[in-house]
Protein backbone atom coordinates (compact mmCIF):
# COMPACT_ATOMS: atom_id res chain seq x y z
CA MET A 1 0.16 -0.23 -0.09
CA THR A 2 1.27 3.43 -1.00
CA PRO A 3 1.96 5.92 1.84
CA ALA A 4 -0.21 8.36 0.49
CA LEU A 5 -2.92 5.53 1.45
CA ALA A 6 -1.34 4.19 4.72
CA PHE A 7 -1.41 7.43 6.32
CA PRO A 8 -5.02 8.51 6.49
CA VAL A 9 -5.96 5.00 7.31
CA SER A 10 -3.66 5.01 10.21
CA ALA A 11 -4.57 8.50 11.11
CA LEU A 12 -8.06 7.29 11.49
CA ALA A 13 -7.37 4.02 13.59
CA ALA A 14 -5.38 6.32 16.01
CA LEU A 15 -8.02 8.91 16.00
CA LEU A 16 -11.13 6.07 16.74
CA GLY A 17 -8.26 5.08 19.67
CA HIS A 18 -7.64 8.59 21.17
CA ARG A 19 -11.72 8.92 20.83
CA LEU A 20 -12.37 5.57 22.84
CA GLY A 21 -9.91 6.98 25.32
CA TRP A 22 -7.21 4.12 24.79
CA LEU A 23 -4.24 6.57 23.80
CA THR A 24 -3.67 10.22 24.30
CA ARG A 25 -2.93 12.61 21.75
CA GLY A 26 0.81 12.66 21.86
CA ALA A 27 0.17 8.44 21.90
CA ALA A 28 -2.12 9.05 18.64
CA ALA A 29 0.43 10.78 16.71
CA ALA A 30 3.00 8.61 17.56
CA ALA A 31 -0.14 5.32 16.71
CA THR A 32 -0.36 6.72 13.17
CA VAL A 33 3.50 6.78 12.12
CA VAL A 34 4.06 3.33 13.63
CA GLY A 35 0.57 2.37 11.69
CA THR A 36 1.82 4.28 8.31
CA CYS A 37 4.71 2.60 8.61
CA ALA A 38 3.95 -1.23 8.83
CA LEU A 39 0.79 -0.61 6.68
CA ALA A 40 2.96 1.27 3.66
CA GLY A 41 5.53 -1.35 3.60
CA ALA A 42 3.95 -4.75 4.97
CA GLY A 43 0.44 -3.87 4.27
CA VAL A 44 -3.19 -5.29 5.21
CA ALA A 45 -1.05 -8.26 7.12
CA GLY A 46 1.32 -6.04 8.93
CA MET A 47 -1.69 -3.58 9.79
CA GLY A 48 -3.21 -6.86 11.08
CA LEU A 49 -1.23 -8.04 13.07
CA LEU A 50 -0.40 -4.51 14.69
CA GLY A 51 -4.25 -3.98 15.10
CA MET A 52 -4.62 -7.47 16.93
CA PHE A 53 -1.95 -6.46 19.59
CA PHE A 54 -3.63 -2.81 19.97
CA VAL A 55 -6.83 -4.24 20.23
CA SER A 56 -6.91 -7.21 22.29
CA GLY A 57 -4.01 -5.47 24.69
CA SER A 58 -6.73 -2.54 25.28
CA ALA A 59 -9.40 -4.98 25.63
CA LEU A 60 -7.71 -6.80 28.51
CA ALA A 61 -6.77 -3.56 30.15
CA ALA A 62 -10.59 -2.60 30.18
CA TRP A 63 -11.25 -6.06 31.42
CA ASN A 64 -9.05 -5.29 34.31
CA GLY A 65 -11.50 -2.31 34.64
CA PRO A 66 -12.62 0.05 36.55
CA PRO A 67 -12.99 2.55 33.67
CA ARG A 68 -10.41 5.59 34.15
CA THR A 69 -10.46 8.84 33.25
CA THR A 70 -7.64 9.37 31.55
CA PRO A 71 -6.18 7.69 28.17
CA ARG A 72 -4.47 4.43 28.75
CA ARG A 73 -1.51 4.63 26.96
CA THR A 74 0.95 7.60 26.20
CA ALA A 75 3.33 8.38 23.00
CA ARG A 76 6.24 6.50 24.89
CA GLN A 77 4.16 3.75 25.60
CA VAL A 78 3.39 3.16 22.14
CA TRP A 79 7.13 3.64 20.56
CA ALA A 80 8.35 1.12 23.55
CA ASN A 81 5.83 -1.43 21.85
CA GLY A 82 5.59 -0.40 18.19
CA TRP A 83 8.54 0.55 17.11
CA THR A 84 10.12 -2.75 15.83
CA ALA A 85 6.62 -2.77 13.73
CA ALA A 86 7.64 0.58 12.39
CA LEU A 87 11.08 -0.75 11.57
CA GLY A 88 10.22 -3.99 10.37
CA GLY A 89 7.46 -2.61 7.90
CA LEU A 90 10.17 -0.22 6.26
CA LEU A 91 12.60 -3.28 6.13
CA ALA A 92 9.77 -5.83 4.48
CA PRO A 93 10.30 -4.47 0.87
CA LEU A 94 13.56 -4.03 0.98
CA ALA A 95 14.79 -7.51 2.63
CA PRO A 96 11.07 -9.38 3.14
CA GLY A 97 12.61 -12.04 5.17
CA ILE A 98 14.21 -9.73 7.80
CA GLY A 99 11.57 -7.52 7.77
CA TRP A 100 8.93 -9.44 8.51
CA ALA A 101 10.83 -11.62 11.27
CA VAL A 102 11.20 -7.62 12.92
CA LEU A 103 7.64 -6.89 12.66
CA THR A 104 6.46 -10.38 13.61
CA GLY A 105 8.95 -11.14 16.54
CA GLY A 106 8.57 -7.62 17.61
CA LEU A 107 4.96 -7.63 17.99
CA ALA A 108 4.74 -11.13 19.44
CA ALA A 109 6.91 -10.14 22.39
CA ALA A 110 4.58 -7.27 23.02
CA GLN A 111 1.67 -9.24 23.18
CA ALA A 112 2.97 -11.84 25.65
CA ASP A 113 4.03 -9.41 27.68
CA THR A 114 0.43 -7.55 27.69
CA TRP A 115 -1.40 -10.61 27.79
CA ALA A 116 0.70 -12.03 30.55
CA THR A 117 0.42 -8.82 32.58
CA GLU A 118 -3.02 -7.96 32.22
CA VAL A 119 -4.28 -11.96 32.79
CA GLY A 120 -2.03 -12.65 35.14
CA LEU A 121 -3.83 -9.73 37.44
CA ARG A 122 -6.53 -12.33 37.51
CA ALA A 123 -4.40 -15.12 39.21
CA ARG A 124 -5.74 -16.04 42.64
CA ARG A 125 -2.21 -16.77 43.81
CA ARG A 126 0.60 -13.90 44.25
CA PRO A 127 2.95 -13.83 41.72
CA VAL A 128 6.79 -14.93 42.28
CA LEU A 129 9.53 -12.54 41.36
CA ILE A 130 11.13 -14.29 38.11
CA THR A 131 14.92 -13.97 39.54
CA THR A 132 14.11 -15.36 43.43
CA GLY A 133 10.56 -17.00 43.39
CA ARG A 134 9.47 -14.72 46.19
CA PRO A 135 6.13 -13.88 46.34
CA VAL A 136 5.54 -10.20 45.51
CA PRO A 137 2.32 -7.67 45.40
CA ALA A 138 0.43 -8.23 42.26
CA GLY A 139 1.75 -5.57 39.30
CA THR A 140 5.23 -5.67 40.74
CA SER A 141 8.19 -5.53 38.17
CA GLY A 142 9.39 -8.88 37.27
CA GLY A 143 6.83 -10.30 39.25
CA VAL A 144 5.04 -13.76 37.26
CA THR A 145 1.94 -15.94 37.62
CA ALA A 146 1.34 -19.57 36.02
CA LEU A 147 -1.62 -17.79 34.48
CA GLY A 148 -0.13 -14.78 33.05
CA THR A 149 2.72 -16.54 31.66
CA LEU A 150 0.42 -19.40 29.90
CA ALA A 151 -1.70 -16.46 28.75
CA GLY A 152 1.33 -14.46 27.44
CA VAL A 153 2.65 -17.83 25.40
CA THR A 154 -0.95 -18.10 23.88
CA GLY A 155 -0.87 -14.54 22.97
CA ALA A 156 2.48 -14.94 21.05
CA GLY A 157 1.16 -18.24 19.20
CA LEU A 158 -2.47 -16.27 18.39
CA LEU A 159 0.08 -13.60 16.94
CA ALA A 160 2.02 -16.07 15.00
CA ALA A 161 -1.16 -17.67 14.11
CA LEU A 162 -2.98 -15.04 12.64
CA GLY A 163 0.73 -13.74 10.56
CA TRP A 164 0.56 -17.44 8.93
CA GLY A 165 -3.09 -16.63 8.13
CA LEU A 166 -2.36 -13.67 6.69
CA GLY A 167 0.28 -14.94 4.33
CA ILE A 168 3.18 -13.49 6.46
CA PRO A 169 6.49 -15.90 4.91
CA GLY A 170 6.32 -18.93 6.86
CA PRO A 171 9.87 -18.93 8.93
CA ALA A 172 8.87 -15.25 10.15
CA ALA A 173 5.59 -16.48 11.17
CA ALA A 174 6.45 -19.67 12.83
CA LEU A 175 9.30 -18.23 14.91
CA ALA A 176 7.13 -15.62 16.20
CA ALA A 177 5.72 -17.70 18.96
CA VAL A 178 9.03 -18.87 20.37
CA THR A 179 10.88 -15.27 19.94
CA GLY A 180 7.87 -13.38 21.23
CA THR A 181 7.85 -15.96 24.45
CA VAL A 182 11.61 -15.42 25.04
CA GLY A 183 11.10 -11.37 24.49
CA MET A 184 8.14 -11.92 27.59
CA VAL A 185 10.71 -13.78 29.88
CA ALA A 186 13.69 -11.05 28.94
CA ASP A 187 10.61 -8.31 30.07
CA SER A 188 10.06 -10.12 33.21
CA LEU A 189 13.96 -10.62 34.05
CA LEU A 190 14.71 -6.70 33.30
CA GLY A 191 12.11 -5.59 35.49
CA ALA A 192 13.08 -7.73 37.99
CA THR A 193 17.02 -6.61 37.91
CA VAL A 194 17.63 -3.39 36.39
CA GLN A 195 13.97 -1.70 35.68
CA ALA A 196 13.52 1.22 38.91
CA VAL A 197 11.32 0.71 41.58
CA TYR A 198 11.04 3.29 44.04
CA ARG A 199 9.04 2.42 47.46
CA CYS A 200 6.81 5.39 49.12
CA ALA A 201 7.64 6.99 52.07
CA ARG A 202 4.17 7.72 53.14
CA CYS A 203 2.21 4.45 51.99
CA ASP A 204 5.10 2.15 52.16
CA ALA A 205 4.05 0.74 48.39
CA ASP A 206 6.54 0.19 45.72
CA THR A 207 5.75 2.14 42.53
CA GLU A 208 7.83 2.63 39.24
CA THR A 209 7.99 6.12 39.19
CA PRO A 210 9.52 8.92 41.91
CA GLU A 211 6.19 10.04 42.97
CA HIS A 212 3.28 7.80 44.18
CA ARG A 213 0.12 7.87 43.15
CA CYS A 214 -0.71 9.40 46.59
CA GLY A 215 1.25 12.28 45.64
CA ALA A 216 3.69 11.68 48.24
CA ALA A 217 7.69 11.13 47.17
CA ALA A 218 9.58 7.85 46.83
CA THR A 219 13.14 6.43 47.00
CA LEU A 220 14.77 4.25 44.86
CA VAL A 221 14.68 0.58 46.59
CA ARG A 222 16.62 -1.20 43.52
CA GLY A 223 17.06 -0.88 39.80
CA ARG A 224 18.57 1.85 37.70
CA ARG A 225 16.57 5.43 37.74
CA TRP A 226 16.69 5.42 33.72
CA VAL A 227 15.40 1.96 33.56
CA THR A 228 11.74 2.54 33.26
CA ASN A 229 8.89 0.26 32.30
CA ASP A 230 9.28 1.96 28.75
CA THR A 231 13.01 1.03 28.60
CA VAL A 232 12.13 -2.28 29.32
CA ASN A 233 9.24 -2.99 27.29
CA LEU A 234 11.56 -1.61 24.16
CA ALA A 235 14.60 -3.66 25.20
CA ALA A 236 12.10 -6.73 25.67
CA THR A 237 10.66 -6.03 21.88
CA GLY A 238 13.71 -5.48 20.55
CA ILE A 239 14.92 -8.75 21.60
CA GLY A 240 12.29 -10.40 20.19
CA ALA A 241 12.68 -8.95 17.18
CA ALA A 242 16.71 -9.53 16.86
CA LEU A 243 16.13 -12.99 17.40
CA ALA A 244 13.41 -13.62 15.30
CA ALA A 245 15.94 -11.67 12.36
CA GLY A 246 18.75 -14.07 13.37
CA LEU A 247 17.02 -16.90 13.24
CA VAL A 248 15.29 -16.45 9.70
CA ALA A 249 18.83 -15.23 8.62
CA ALA A 250 20.34 -18.67 9.74
CA VAL A 251 17.39 -20.95 8.27
CA ARG A 252 18.05 -19.03 4.81
């Protein structure tokens, strides 16, 4: 599809996401760019995979309600989860095998992590830190549950199946289920080791930001200040994309 047609289609989809309360204005602008790159370079198949990730993730977040008064995704979150889709779309016309691998591998990792996080919140058992097995509160960075992990693997597998059904080259589609799962695990490991975690001075609760939602300042208790959840997501999707591209290149 030509960029002249891909842009308005992507802009309309992003506008709808904004109107539904799923995207901030900045996120809608970022989603327009990501969608344009994916649709122009990878066509309907690329946009279909991007749409599956976005709609399913937003639906799962809404399922965990209650409805929020502010949009769910920021521009940083869109870039962190969708940059590989944009890059893969740009590469697909030039190097189809690598381009499709980057697109599917990165999106599978993003979808696996999103499904694991949202469905894991419904687990009856408390999550455990992936590095130590110590029980942690729900929502803790690096915390995993059996239910969430199963959901993440399922999410990666369904995205791979959709890719195959839409005609994406076999190796890229098949590998997405594996590389997406690896990206999900990498996300948890980074979240448990280097992602910044702060403790609220007032509530004694852990948070991912220097200021807790109660308004009190929070103190860094582990990780690096510059490693945010968006940084971890960006790295995890990159790992999924790079691994998929490497495996595709190896089997060619």
